[in-house]
Amino acid sequence: MKNIVMLGAPGAGKGTQSALIAKEYGIPHISTGDILRRNIKEGTELGKLAKSYIDAGALVPDEVVIGIVADRLSEADAKNGYVLDGFPRTIAQAEALDKVAKIDVAINIVVGFDVIVNRLSGRRVCVCGATYHTSTLGGRTTCSVCGKELFIRDDDKPETVKARLETYEKQTAPLIGYYANAGILVDVDATGTIEQDFEKIKKVLND
């Protein structure tokens, strides 16, 4: 199996597709957010270091994040391939990753920004954890699971979504060029259903 990096704007569906890849091919889905939280919870040296930055309201420096990722990639379950989601985010991180891992393919999930804004700003959530989209609610404003009022997360408000996409354009979009130059980038048009998009990804991975 391959060592995969998932690229794409916030809301493009990287996490969803990464989870499907992990299940289909029996490889770990490695999300930097998850491993960062795990290290902090377990009180590892790297976790303590990361927590000191987070507690101070600062970004966790690249070398700490890379240390945590490298540590995770050395675990037994990652020996036969893995899918990296949320890392690297910058060229500097990609260069550092190349020193500790051999990436076989970078899958770029391509979705128009207008689709993402509509997708995220239409999302409604409940305190019980249920998630909906306005397009399927038919005007309903309460949760079908527990009956509580649905709300829009601050992260999903149109102005916040646009700001997140602008940050992505500046910081992470250059990775597309980096992996294209390395000859391992594959664009996947992800404007279909989750299942349709996954079929396209499987074709890439099975080649």
N, C-alpha and C. Protein backbone atom coordinates (compact mmCIF):
# COMPACT_ATOMS: atom_id res chain seq x y z
N MET A 1 0.85 -1.20 0.00
CA MET A 1 0.00 0.00 0.00
C MET A 1 0.88 1.25 0.00
N LYS A 2 0.26 2.38 -0.25
CA LYS A 2 1.01 3.62 -0.43
C LYS A 2 0.99 4.51 0.81
N ASN A 3 1.99 5.39 0.89
CA ASN A 3 2.01 6.47 1.88
C ASN A 3 1.38 7.69 1.20
N ILE A 4 0.25 8.14 1.75
CA ILE A 4 -0.58 9.13 1.06
C ILE A 4 -0.65 10.42 1.88
N VAL A 5 -0.57 11.54 1.16
CA VAL A 5 -0.85 12.86 1.75
C VAL A 5 -2.14 13.37 1.11
N MET A 6 -3.08 13.84 1.94
CA MET A 6 -4.32 14.42 1.43
C MET A 6 -4.23 15.94 1.45
N LEU A 7 -4.51 16.55 0.31
CA LEU A 7 -4.52 18.01 0.21
C LEU A 7 -5.92 18.48 -0.15
N GLY A 8 -6.20 19.74 0.16
CA GLY A 8 -7.51 20.29 -0.18
C GLY A 8 -7.90 21.36 0.82
N ALA A 9 -8.76 22.24 0.40
CA ALA A 9 -9.19 23.36 1.25
C ALA A 9 -10.03 22.86 2.42
N PRO A 10 -10.16 23.67 3.48
CA PRO A 10 -11.05 23.30 4.59
C PRO A 10 -12.46 23.08 4.04
N GLY A 11 -13.08 21.97 4.43
CA GLY A 11 -14.44 21.70 3.95
C GLY A 11 -14.50 20.96 2.63
N ALA A 12 -13.33 20.63 2.06
CA ALA A 12 -13.31 19.91 0.77
C ALA A 12 -13.67 18.44 0.94
N GLY A 13 -13.52 17.93 2.16
CA GLY A 13 -13.87 16.52 2.42
C GLY A 13 -12.67 15.63 2.65
N LYS A 14 -11.52 16.24 3.00
CA LYS A 14 -10.29 15.45 3.23
C LYS A 14 -10.48 14.42 4.33
N GLY A 15 -11.04 14.85 5.45
CA GLY A 15 -11.20 13.95 6.60
C GLY A 15 -12.10 12.77 6.28
N THR A 16 -13.22 13.05 5.61
CA THR A 16 -14.18 12.00 5.23
C THR A 16 -13.52 10.98 4.31
N GLN A 17 -12.83 11.47 3.28
CA GLN A 17 -12.21 10.57 2.30
C GLN A 17 -11.02 9.83 2.92
N SER A 18 -10.28 10.50 3.80
CA SER A 18 -9.15 9.83 4.49
C SER A 18 -9.64 8.65 5.31
N ALA A 19 -10.77 8.83 6.00
CA ALA A 19 -11.34 7.76 6.83
C ALA A 19 -11.77 6.58 5.95
N LEU A 20 -12.33 6.88 4.77
CA LEU A 20 -12.77 5.82 3.85
C LEU A 20 -11.57 5.05 3.30
N ILE A 21 -10.49 5.79 2.97
CA ILE A 21 -9.26 5.15 2.47
C ILE A 21 -8.71 4.20 3.55
N ALA A 22 -8.64 4.71 4.78
CA ALA A 22 -8.09 3.91 5.89
C ALA A 22 -8.87 2.61 6.07
N LYS A 23 -10.20 2.72 5.99
CA LYS A 23 -11.06 1.53 6.17
C LYS A 23 -10.90 0.56 5.00
N GLU A 24 -10.91 1.09 3.79
CA GLU A 24 -10.83 0.25 2.58
C GLU A 24 -9.51 -0.52 2.49
N TYR A 25 -8.41 0.16 2.84
CA TYR A 25 -7.09 -0.44 2.62
C TYR A 25 -6.41 -0.92 3.90
N GLY A 26 -7.09 -0.75 5.04
CA GLY A 26 -6.54 -1.24 6.30
C GLY A 26 -5.26 -0.55 6.74
N ILE A 27 -5.20 0.76 6.47
CA ILE A 27 -4.03 1.55 6.89
C ILE A 27 -4.50 2.65 7.85
N PRO A 28 -3.60 3.18 8.69
CA PRO A 28 -4.05 4.20 9.64
C PRO A 28 -4.33 5.56 8.98
N HIS A 29 -5.39 6.20 9.46
CA HIS A 29 -5.72 7.58 9.08
C HIS A 29 -5.08 8.47 10.14
N ILE A 30 -4.03 9.17 9.73
CA ILE A 30 -3.26 9.96 10.70
C ILE A 30 -3.61 11.43 10.55
N SER A 31 -4.38 11.91 11.52
CA SER A 31 -4.77 13.33 11.54
C SER A 31 -3.89 14.02 12.57
N THR A 32 -3.21 15.09 12.14
CA THR A 32 -2.29 15.76 13.07
C THR A 32 -3.01 16.28 14.30
N GLY A 33 -4.24 16.77 14.10
CA GLY A 33 -5.01 17.26 15.25
C GLY A 33 -5.21 16.16 16.28
N ASP A 34 -5.55 14.96 15.79
CA ASP A 34 -5.80 13.82 16.69
C ASP A 34 -4.53 13.39 17.43
N ILE A 35 -3.40 13.31 16.69
CA ILE A 35 -2.18 12.83 17.37
C ILE A 35 -1.62 13.87 18.32
N LEU A 36 -1.86 15.14 17.99
CA LEU A 36 -1.44 16.22 18.89
C LEU A 36 -2.22 16.09 20.21
N ARG A 37 -3.55 15.92 20.06
CA ARG A 37 -4.40 15.79 21.27
C ARG A 37 -4.02 14.54 22.07
N ARG A 38 -3.70 13.45 21.36
CA ARG A 38 -3.34 12.20 22.04
C ARG A 38 -2.05 12.38 22.85
N ASN A 39 -1.05 13.04 22.25
CA ASN A 39 0.21 13.28 22.95
C ASN A 39 0.02 14.17 24.17
N ILE A 40 -0.85 15.16 24.03
CA ILE A 40 -1.12 16.07 25.16
C ILE A 40 -1.82 15.29 26.28
N LYS A 41 -2.82 14.48 25.88
CA LYS A 41 -3.58 13.69 26.87
C LYS A 41 -2.67 12.70 27.59
N GLU A 42 -1.76 12.06 26.83
CA GLU A 42 -0.89 11.05 27.43
C GLU A 42 0.31 11.65 28.16
N GLY A 43 0.48 12.99 28.01
CA GLY A 43 1.56 13.67 28.71
C GLY A 43 2.95 13.31 28.23
N THR A 44 3.08 12.99 26.91
CA THR A 44 4.41 12.68 26.38
C THR A 44 5.26 13.97 26.40
N GLU A 45 6.55 13.81 26.23
CA GLU A 45 7.44 14.99 26.22
C GLU A 45 7.02 15.97 25.13
N LEU A 46 6.77 15.42 23.92
CA LEU A 46 6.34 16.29 22.81
C LEU A 46 4.97 16.90 23.10
N GLY A 47 4.10 16.11 23.75
CA GLY A 47 2.77 16.60 24.10
C GLY A 47 2.84 17.75 25.08
N LYS A 48 3.71 17.62 26.08
CA LYS A 48 3.88 18.70 27.07
C LYS A 48 4.39 19.97 26.39
N LEU A 49 5.34 19.76 25.45
CA LEU A 49 5.91 20.90 24.73
C LEU A 49 4.82 21.59 23.90
N ALA A 50 4.03 20.79 23.18
CA ALA A 50 2.94 21.34 22.36
C ALA A 50 1.94 22.09 23.23
N LYS A 51 1.61 21.51 24.39
CA LYS A 51 0.63 22.13 25.30
C LYS A 51 1.11 23.49 25.80
N SER A 52 2.43 23.60 26.03
CA SER A 52 2.95 24.87 26.53
C SER A 52 2.71 26.00 25.52
N TYR A 53 2.80 25.67 24.23
CA TYR A 53 2.53 26.68 23.19
C TYR A 53 1.04 26.98 23.09
N ILE A 54 0.23 25.91 23.11
CA ILE A 54 -1.22 26.08 22.99
C ILE A 54 -1.76 26.90 24.16
N ASP A 55 -1.27 26.59 25.39
CA ASP A 55 -1.72 27.32 26.59
C ASP A 55 -1.35 28.80 26.52
N ALA A 56 -0.27 29.09 25.79
CA ALA A 56 0.17 30.49 25.66
C ALA A 56 -0.54 31.18 24.49
N GLY A 57 -1.43 30.41 23.81
CA GLY A 57 -2.16 30.98 22.68
C GLY A 57 -1.32 31.10 21.42
N ALA A 58 -0.20 30.36 21.37
CA ALA A 58 0.70 30.41 20.21
C ALA A 58 0.52 29.17 19.34
N LEU A 59 0.95 29.27 18.08
CA LEU A 59 0.93 28.11 17.19
C LEU A 59 2.03 27.14 17.61
N VAL A 60 1.73 25.86 17.50
CA VAL A 60 2.75 24.86 17.82
C VAL A 60 3.79 24.90 16.69
N PRO A 61 5.09 25.11 17.03
CA PRO A 61 6.11 25.24 15.98
C PRO A 61 6.26 23.98 15.14
N ASP A 62 6.71 24.18 13.90
CA ASP A 62 6.88 23.07 12.96
C ASP A 62 7.67 21.91 13.54
N GLU A 63 8.80 22.23 14.22
CA GLU A 63 9.66 21.13 14.67
C GLU A 63 8.96 20.22 15.68
N VAL A 64 8.03 20.81 16.48
CA VAL A 64 7.29 20.00 17.45
C VAL A 64 6.27 19.12 16.72
N VAL A 65 5.54 19.74 15.78
CA VAL A 65 4.53 18.99 15.00
C VAL A 65 5.22 17.86 14.22
N ILE A 66 6.35 18.18 13.59
CA ILE A 66 7.08 17.18 12.79
C ILE A 66 7.57 16.04 13.69
N GLY A 67 8.02 16.38 14.88
CA GLY A 67 8.47 15.37 15.84
C GLY A 67 7.34 14.41 16.18
N ILE A 68 6.16 14.96 16.41
CA ILE A 68 4.99 14.15 16.76
C ILE A 68 4.57 13.28 15.57
N VAL A 69 4.59 13.85 14.36
CA VAL A 69 4.23 13.09 13.15
C VAL A 69 5.24 11.97 12.91
N ALA A 70 6.53 12.29 12.98
CA ALA A 70 7.59 11.29 12.75
C ALA A 70 7.45 10.14 13.75
N ASP A 71 7.15 10.48 14.99
CA ASP A 71 6.95 9.49 16.04
C ASP A 71 5.79 8.55 15.68
N ARG A 72 4.70 9.15 15.18
CA ARG A 72 3.51 8.36 14.81
C ARG A 72 3.79 7.46 13.60
N LEU A 73 4.55 7.97 12.64
CA LEU A 73 4.84 7.20 11.43
C LEU A 73 5.77 6.01 11.71
N SER A 74 6.46 6.06 12.85
CA SER A 74 7.38 4.96 13.20
C SER A 74 6.66 3.81 13.90
N GLU A 75 5.36 4.00 14.20
CA GLU A 75 4.60 2.94 14.89
C GLU A 75 4.31 1.79 13.91
N ALA A 76 4.13 0.60 14.46
CA ALA A 76 4.01 -0.63 13.65
C ALA A 76 2.89 -0.58 12.62
N ASP A 77 1.74 0.02 13.00
CA ASP A 77 0.59 -0.01 12.08
C ASP A 77 0.79 0.85 10.83
N ALA A 78 1.82 1.71 10.85
CA ALA A 78 2.06 2.59 9.70
C ALA A 78 3.11 2.02 8.74
N LYS A 79 3.59 0.82 9.06
CA LYS A 79 4.67 0.23 8.24
C LYS A 79 4.23 -0.10 6.81
N ASN A 80 2.93 -0.42 6.65
CA ASN A 80 2.44 -0.83 5.32
C ASN A 80 1.63 0.27 4.63
N GLY A 81 1.86 1.51 5.02
CA GLY A 81 1.15 2.62 4.40
C GLY A 81 0.30 3.39 5.41
N TYR A 82 -0.05 4.60 5.04
CA TYR A 82 -0.87 5.46 5.90
C TYR A 82 -1.42 6.60 5.06
N VAL A 83 -2.42 7.27 5.61
CA VAL A 83 -2.97 8.45 4.95
C VAL A 83 -2.85 9.62 5.92
N LEU A 84 -2.10 10.63 5.50
CA LEU A 84 -1.86 11.82 6.33
C LEU A 84 -2.88 12.90 6.00
N ASP A 85 -3.58 13.36 7.02
CA ASP A 85 -4.66 14.34 6.84
C ASP A 85 -4.37 15.55 7.74
N GLY A 86 -4.21 16.72 7.12
CA GLY A 86 -3.94 17.93 7.90
C GLY A 86 -2.47 18.22 8.06
N PHE A 87 -1.64 17.46 7.40
CA PHE A 87 -0.19 17.66 7.45
C PHE A 87 0.40 17.07 6.18
N PRO A 88 1.35 17.72 5.54
CA PRO A 88 1.90 19.05 5.88
C PRO A 88 0.95 20.17 5.47
N ARG A 89 1.14 21.33 6.11
CA ARG A 89 0.33 22.51 5.78
C ARG A 89 1.14 23.57 5.04
N THR A 90 2.46 23.46 5.12
CA THR A 90 3.33 24.45 4.48
C THR A 90 4.46 23.73 3.75
N ILE A 91 5.15 24.47 2.86
CA ILE A 91 6.29 23.91 2.13
C ILE A 91 7.36 23.45 3.12
N ALA A 92 7.61 24.25 4.16
CA ALA A 92 8.64 23.90 5.16
C ALA A 92 8.31 22.56 5.81
N GLN A 93 7.03 22.34 6.13
CA GLN A 93 6.62 21.07 6.73
C GLN A 93 6.78 19.92 5.74
N ALA A 94 6.47 20.18 4.47
CA ALA A 94 6.60 19.14 3.44
C ALA A 94 8.06 18.74 3.27
N GLU A 95 8.95 19.73 3.29
CA GLU A 95 10.38 19.43 3.15
C GLU A 95 10.88 18.62 4.35
N ALA A 96 10.40 18.98 5.54
CA ALA A 96 10.80 18.25 6.75
C ALA A 96 10.24 16.83 6.72
N LEU A 97 9.01 16.68 6.22
CA LEU A 97 8.40 15.35 6.12
C LEU A 97 9.21 14.46 5.17
N ASP A 98 9.69 15.04 4.08
CA ASP A 98 10.48 14.27 3.10
C ASP A 98 11.74 13.67 3.71
N LYS A 99 12.21 14.28 4.81
CA LYS A 99 13.42 13.76 5.46
C LYS A 99 13.14 12.54 6.33
N VAL A 100 11.86 12.37 6.73
CA VAL A 100 11.54 11.25 7.63
C VAL A 100 10.60 10.22 6.99
N ALA A 101 10.10 10.52 5.79
CA ALA A 101 9.13 9.60 5.16
C ALA A 101 9.21 9.71 3.64
N LYS A 102 8.79 8.63 2.98
CA LYS A 102 8.70 8.65 1.52
C LYS A 102 7.21 8.69 1.15
N ILE A 103 6.76 9.82 0.63
CA ILE A 103 5.36 9.95 0.23
C ILE A 103 5.22 9.46 -1.21
N ASP A 104 4.26 8.57 -1.42
CA ASP A 104 4.06 7.97 -2.76
C ASP A 104 3.09 8.77 -3.62
N VAL A 105 2.07 9.32 -2.97
CA VAL A 105 1.06 10.07 -3.75
C VAL A 105 0.44 11.15 -2.88
N ALA A 106 0.23 12.32 -3.51
CA ALA A 106 -0.47 13.43 -2.85
C ALA A 106 -1.79 13.62 -3.59
N ILE A 107 -2.90 13.35 -2.91
CA ILE A 107 -4.22 13.48 -3.54
C ILE A 107 -4.79 14.85 -3.19
N ASN A 108 -5.04 15.64 -4.23
CA ASN A 108 -5.57 16.99 -4.04
C ASN A 108 -7.08 16.96 -4.32
N ILE A 109 -7.86 17.14 -3.24
CA ILE A 109 -9.32 17.15 -3.37
C ILE A 109 -9.75 18.52 -3.89
N VAL A 110 -10.25 18.56 -5.11
CA VAL A 110 -10.56 19.83 -5.77
C VAL A 110 -12.06 20.13 -5.70
N VAL A 111 -12.38 21.22 -5.00
CA VAL A 111 -13.77 21.68 -4.89
C VAL A 111 -13.74 23.21 -4.97
N GLY A 112 -14.65 23.80 -5.73
CA GLY A 112 -14.70 25.26 -5.83
C GLY A 112 -14.99 25.91 -4.49
N PHE A 113 -14.39 27.08 -4.25
CA PHE A 113 -14.59 27.76 -2.97
C PHE A 113 -16.06 28.11 -2.74
N ASP A 114 -16.79 28.42 -3.82
CA ASP A 114 -18.22 28.76 -3.65
C ASP A 114 -19.00 27.55 -3.12
N VAL A 115 -18.62 26.35 -3.58
CA VAL A 115 -19.26 25.11 -3.12
C VAL A 115 -18.96 24.89 -1.63
N ILE A 116 -17.69 25.15 -1.25
CA ILE A 116 -17.27 24.96 0.15
C ILE A 116 -18.01 25.93 1.08
N VAL A 117 -18.10 27.19 0.66
CA VAL A 117 -18.80 28.20 1.49
C VAL A 117 -20.24 27.75 1.69
N ASN A 118 -20.88 27.30 0.62
CA ASN A 118 -22.27 26.84 0.71
C ASN A 118 -22.38 25.59 1.58
N ARG A 119 -21.42 24.69 1.42
CA ARG A 119 -21.43 23.42 2.16
C ARG A 119 -21.28 23.68 3.67
N LEU A 120 -20.30 24.51 4.03
CA LEU A 120 -20.02 24.74 5.45
C LEU A 120 -21.01 25.69 6.10
N SER A 121 -21.38 26.75 5.38
CA SER A 121 -22.28 27.73 6.01
C SER A 121 -23.70 27.17 6.12
N GLY A 122 -23.98 26.07 5.39
CA GLY A 122 -25.29 25.44 5.51
C GLY A 122 -25.32 24.36 6.58
N ARG A 123 -24.17 24.11 7.20
CA ARG A 123 -24.10 23.05 8.22
C ARG A 123 -24.74 23.54 9.52
N ARG A 124 -25.53 22.67 10.13
CA ARG A 124 -26.13 22.97 11.44
C ARG A 124 -25.81 21.81 12.37
N VAL A 125 -25.49 22.14 13.61
CA VAL A 125 -25.10 21.10 14.57
C VAL A 125 -25.96 21.18 15.83
N CYS A 126 -25.95 20.07 16.57
CA CYS A 126 -26.69 20.02 17.83
C CYS A 126 -25.71 19.73 18.95
N VAL A 127 -26.08 20.11 20.16
CA VAL A 127 -25.20 19.84 21.31
C VAL A 127 -24.99 18.34 21.52
N CYS A 128 -25.91 17.50 20.98
CA CYS A 128 -25.76 16.05 21.16
C CYS A 128 -24.75 15.46 20.17
N GLY A 129 -24.27 16.30 19.22
CA GLY A 129 -23.26 15.83 18.27
C GLY A 129 -23.80 15.55 16.87
N ALA A 130 -25.12 15.55 16.71
CA ALA A 130 -25.72 15.31 15.39
C ALA A 130 -25.42 16.49 14.47
N THR A 131 -25.21 16.20 13.17
CA THR A 131 -24.89 17.23 12.19
C THR A 131 -25.88 17.15 11.03
N TYR A 132 -26.31 18.33 10.55
CA TYR A 132 -27.27 18.40 9.44
C TYR A 132 -26.81 19.44 8.43
N HIS A 133 -27.52 19.50 7.30
CA HIS A 133 -27.30 20.58 6.32
C HIS A 133 -28.66 21.18 6.01
N THR A 134 -28.67 22.51 5.85
CA THR A 134 -29.94 23.21 5.62
C THR A 134 -30.67 22.65 4.39
N SER A 135 -29.90 22.13 3.42
CA SER A 135 -30.52 21.63 2.19
C SER A 135 -31.39 20.39 2.44
N THR A 136 -31.18 19.72 3.58
CA THR A 136 -31.96 18.50 3.86
C THR A 136 -32.90 18.68 5.06
N LEU A 137 -32.88 19.87 5.67
CA LEU A 137 -33.68 20.08 6.88
C LEU A 137 -35.13 20.47 6.56
N GLY A 138 -35.36 20.99 5.35
CA GLY A 138 -36.72 21.41 4.98
C GLY A 138 -37.29 22.47 5.90
N GLY A 139 -36.41 23.37 6.37
CA GLY A 139 -36.86 24.47 7.23
C GLY A 139 -36.89 24.12 8.71
N ARG A 140 -36.68 22.86 9.05
CA ARG A 140 -36.69 22.45 10.46
C ARG A 140 -35.48 23.02 11.19
N THR A 141 -35.65 23.42 12.45
CA THR A 141 -34.55 24.03 13.20
C THR A 141 -34.19 23.24 14.45
N THR A 142 -34.81 22.06 14.62
CA THR A 142 -34.50 21.26 15.81
C THR A 142 -33.92 19.91 15.42
N CYS A 143 -33.23 19.29 16.36
CA CYS A 143 -32.55 18.02 16.14
C CYS A 143 -33.55 16.87 16.15
N SER A 144 -33.43 15.97 15.15
CA SER A 144 -34.35 14.83 15.09
C SER A 144 -33.96 13.75 16.11
N VAL A 145 -32.75 13.86 16.68
CA VAL A 145 -32.28 12.87 17.66
C VAL A 145 -32.78 13.23 19.06
N CYS A 146 -32.51 14.50 19.47
CA CYS A 146 -32.86 14.87 20.85
C CYS A 146 -33.85 16.03 20.97
N GLY A 147 -34.20 16.64 19.83
CA GLY A 147 -35.22 17.70 19.86
C GLY A 147 -34.71 19.09 20.22
N LYS A 148 -33.39 19.19 20.51
CA LYS A 148 -32.85 20.51 20.89
C LYS A 148 -32.66 21.40 19.65
N GLU A 149 -32.53 22.70 19.90
CA GLU A 149 -32.36 23.69 18.82
C GLU A 149 -31.00 23.52 18.14
N LEU A 150 -31.00 23.55 16.82
CA LEU A 150 -29.75 23.46 16.06
C LEU A 150 -29.09 24.82 16.00
N PHE A 151 -27.76 24.82 15.84
CA PHE A 151 -27.05 26.11 15.74
C PHE A 151 -25.92 25.99 14.70
N ILE A 152 -25.41 27.15 14.29
CA ILE A 152 -24.29 27.20 13.35
C ILE A 152 -23.02 27.48 14.15
N ARG A 153 -22.00 26.66 13.94
CA ARG A 153 -20.73 26.88 14.66
C ARG A 153 -20.07 28.15 14.13
N ASP A 154 -19.32 28.82 15.01
CA ASP A 154 -18.60 30.03 14.58
C ASP A 154 -17.73 29.75 13.37
N ASP A 155 -17.09 28.56 13.37
CA ASP A 155 -16.21 28.14 12.27
C ASP A 155 -16.92 28.06 10.93
N ASP A 156 -18.25 27.86 10.99
CA ASP A 156 -19.03 27.63 9.76
C ASP A 156 -19.73 28.89 9.25
N LYS A 157 -19.59 30.01 9.97
CA LYS A 157 -20.22 31.24 9.51
C LYS A 157 -19.53 31.69 8.22
N PRO A 158 -20.30 32.19 7.22
CA PRO A 158 -19.71 32.51 5.91
C PRO A 158 -18.44 33.36 5.99
N GLU A 159 -18.44 34.38 6.86
CA GLU A 159 -17.26 35.26 6.93
C GLU A 159 -16.04 34.51 7.47
N THR A 160 -16.29 33.57 8.42
CA THR A 160 -15.18 32.77 8.97
C THR A 160 -14.68 31.78 7.93
N VAL A 161 -15.61 31.16 7.21
CA VAL A 161 -15.22 30.20 6.16
C VAL A 161 -14.35 30.90 5.13
N LYS A 162 -14.76 32.11 4.72
CA LYS A 162 -13.97 32.85 3.71
C LYS A 162 -12.57 33.16 4.23
N ALA A 163 -12.48 33.53 5.51
CA ALA A 163 -11.17 33.84 6.11
C ALA A 163 -10.30 32.59 6.14
N ARG A 164 -10.91 31.43 6.47
CA ARG A 164 -10.15 30.17 6.50
C ARG A 164 -9.65 29.81 5.10
N LEU A 165 -10.47 30.06 4.10
CA LEU A 165 -10.08 29.75 2.72
C LEU A 165 -8.95 30.67 2.25
N GLU A 166 -8.99 31.93 2.71
CA GLU A 166 -7.91 32.87 2.35
C GLU A 166 -6.59 32.42 2.97
N THR A 167 -6.64 31.96 4.22
CA THR A 167 -5.44 31.46 4.89
C THR A 167 -4.91 30.23 4.14
N TYR A 168 -5.82 29.37 3.72
CA TYR A 168 -5.43 28.17 2.97
C TYR A 168 -4.73 28.57 1.67
N GLU A 169 -5.32 29.55 0.96
CA GLU A 169 -4.74 30.01 -0.31
C GLU A 169 -3.28 30.45 -0.13
N LYS A 170 -3.04 31.18 0.98
CA LYS A 170 -1.69 31.73 1.22
C LYS A 170 -0.71 30.67 1.67
N GLN A 171 -1.14 29.83 2.63
CA GLN A 171 -0.20 28.92 3.30
C GLN A 171 -0.11 27.54 2.67
N THR A 172 -1.26 26.95 2.38
CA THR A 172 -1.28 25.53 2.04
C THR A 172 -1.36 25.27 0.54
N ALA A 173 -2.04 26.14 -0.21
CA ALA A 173 -2.16 25.92 -1.66
C ALA A 173 -0.81 25.75 -2.36
N PRO A 174 0.28 26.44 -1.94
CA PRO A 174 1.58 26.23 -2.59
C PRO A 174 2.07 24.78 -2.56
N LEU A 175 1.55 23.98 -1.61
CA LEU A 175 1.92 22.56 -1.55
C LEU A 175 1.54 21.82 -2.82
N ILE A 176 0.48 22.29 -3.48
CA ILE A 176 0.04 21.65 -4.73
C ILE A 176 1.19 21.71 -5.74
N GLY A 177 1.82 22.87 -5.85
CA GLY A 177 2.97 23.03 -6.75
C GLY A 177 4.15 22.17 -6.31
N TYR A 178 4.35 22.09 -5.00
CA TYR A 178 5.47 21.32 -4.45
C TYR A 178 5.35 19.86 -4.85
N TYR A 179 4.16 19.28 -4.64
CA TYR A 179 3.97 17.86 -4.96
C TYR A 179 3.83 17.61 -6.46
N ALA A 180 3.34 18.63 -7.19
CA ALA A 180 3.29 18.50 -8.66
C ALA A 180 4.71 18.42 -9.21
N ASN A 181 5.61 19.26 -8.68
CA ASN A 181 7.02 19.24 -9.11
C ASN A 181 7.69 17.91 -8.78
N ALA A 182 7.22 17.30 -7.69
CA ALA A 182 7.80 16.00 -7.29
C ALA A 182 7.22 14.86 -8.13
N GLY A 183 6.20 15.18 -8.95
CA GLY A 183 5.61 14.18 -9.84
C GLY A 183 4.66 13.21 -9.17
N ILE A 184 4.16 13.57 -7.96
CA ILE A 184 3.29 12.62 -7.26
C ILE A 184 1.90 13.19 -6.96
N LEU A 185 1.58 14.36 -7.55
CA LEU A 185 0.28 14.99 -7.28
C LEU A 185 -0.79 14.44 -8.23
N VAL A 186 -1.97 14.12 -7.65
CA VAL A 186 -3.12 13.74 -8.48
C VAL A 186 -4.32 14.57 -8.02
N ASP A 187 -4.91 15.31 -8.96
CA ASP A 187 -6.12 16.08 -8.66
C ASP A 187 -7.33 15.18 -8.76
N VAL A 188 -8.24 15.28 -7.77
CA VAL A 188 -9.49 14.53 -7.82
C VAL A 188 -10.65 15.52 -7.68
N ASP A 189 -11.47 15.58 -8.72
CA ASP A 189 -12.64 16.46 -8.69
C ASP A 189 -13.65 15.88 -7.71
N ALA A 190 -13.91 16.63 -6.63
CA ALA A 190 -14.76 16.09 -5.55
C ALA A 190 -16.08 16.83 -5.45
N THR A 191 -16.74 17.00 -6.60
CA THR A 191 -18.03 17.70 -6.59
C THR A 191 -19.20 16.72 -6.65
N GLY A 192 -18.89 15.41 -6.63
CA GLY A 192 -19.95 14.40 -6.63
C GLY A 192 -20.38 14.05 -5.22
N THR A 193 -21.01 12.90 -5.09
CA THR A 193 -21.37 12.41 -3.75
C THR A 193 -20.09 11.86 -3.10
N ILE A 194 -20.15 11.62 -1.81
CA ILE A 194 -18.99 11.06 -1.09
C ILE A 194 -18.57 9.75 -1.75
N GLU A 195 -19.56 8.91 -2.11
CA GLU A 195 -19.27 7.61 -2.71
C GLU A 195 -18.63 7.76 -4.09
N GLN A 196 -19.17 8.68 -4.90
CA GLN A 196 -18.62 8.90 -6.24
C GLN A 196 -17.18 9.39 -6.17
N ASP A 197 -16.95 10.33 -5.24
CA ASP A 197 -15.59 10.87 -5.09
C ASP A 197 -14.62 9.78 -4.62
N PHE A 198 -15.10 8.92 -3.73
CA PHE A 198 -14.24 7.85 -3.23
C PHE A 198 -13.87 6.86 -4.34
N GLU A 199 -14.80 6.60 -5.24
CA GLU A 199 -14.51 5.71 -6.39
C GLU A 199 -13.36 6.28 -7.23
N LYS A 200 -13.36 7.61 -7.40
CA LYS A 200 -12.27 8.26 -8.17
C LYS A 200 -10.94 8.08 -7.45
N ILE A 201 -10.97 8.23 -6.12
CA ILE A 201 -9.74 8.09 -5.32
C ILE A 201 -9.23 6.65 -5.39
N LYS A 202 -10.15 5.69 -5.33
CA LYS A 202 -9.74 4.28 -5.41
C LYS A 202 -9.05 3.99 -6.74
N LYS A 203 -9.54 4.59 -7.81
CA LYS A 203 -8.92 4.38 -9.13
C LYS A 203 -7.47 4.85 -9.10
N VAL A 204 -7.24 6.00 -8.44
CA VAL A 204 -5.88 6.55 -8.33
C VAL A 204 -5.00 5.57 -7.54
N LEU A 205 -5.50 5.09 -6.41
CA LEU A 205 -4.71 4.24 -5.52
C LEU A 205 -4.51 2.83 -6.06
N ASN A 206 -5.42 2.38 -6.90
CA ASN A 206 -5.31 1.01 -7.43
C ASN A 206 -4.47 0.94 -8.70
N ASP A 207 -4.08 2.09 -9.22
CA ASP A 207 -3.26 2.11 -10.46
C ASP A 207 -1.87 1.56 -10.19
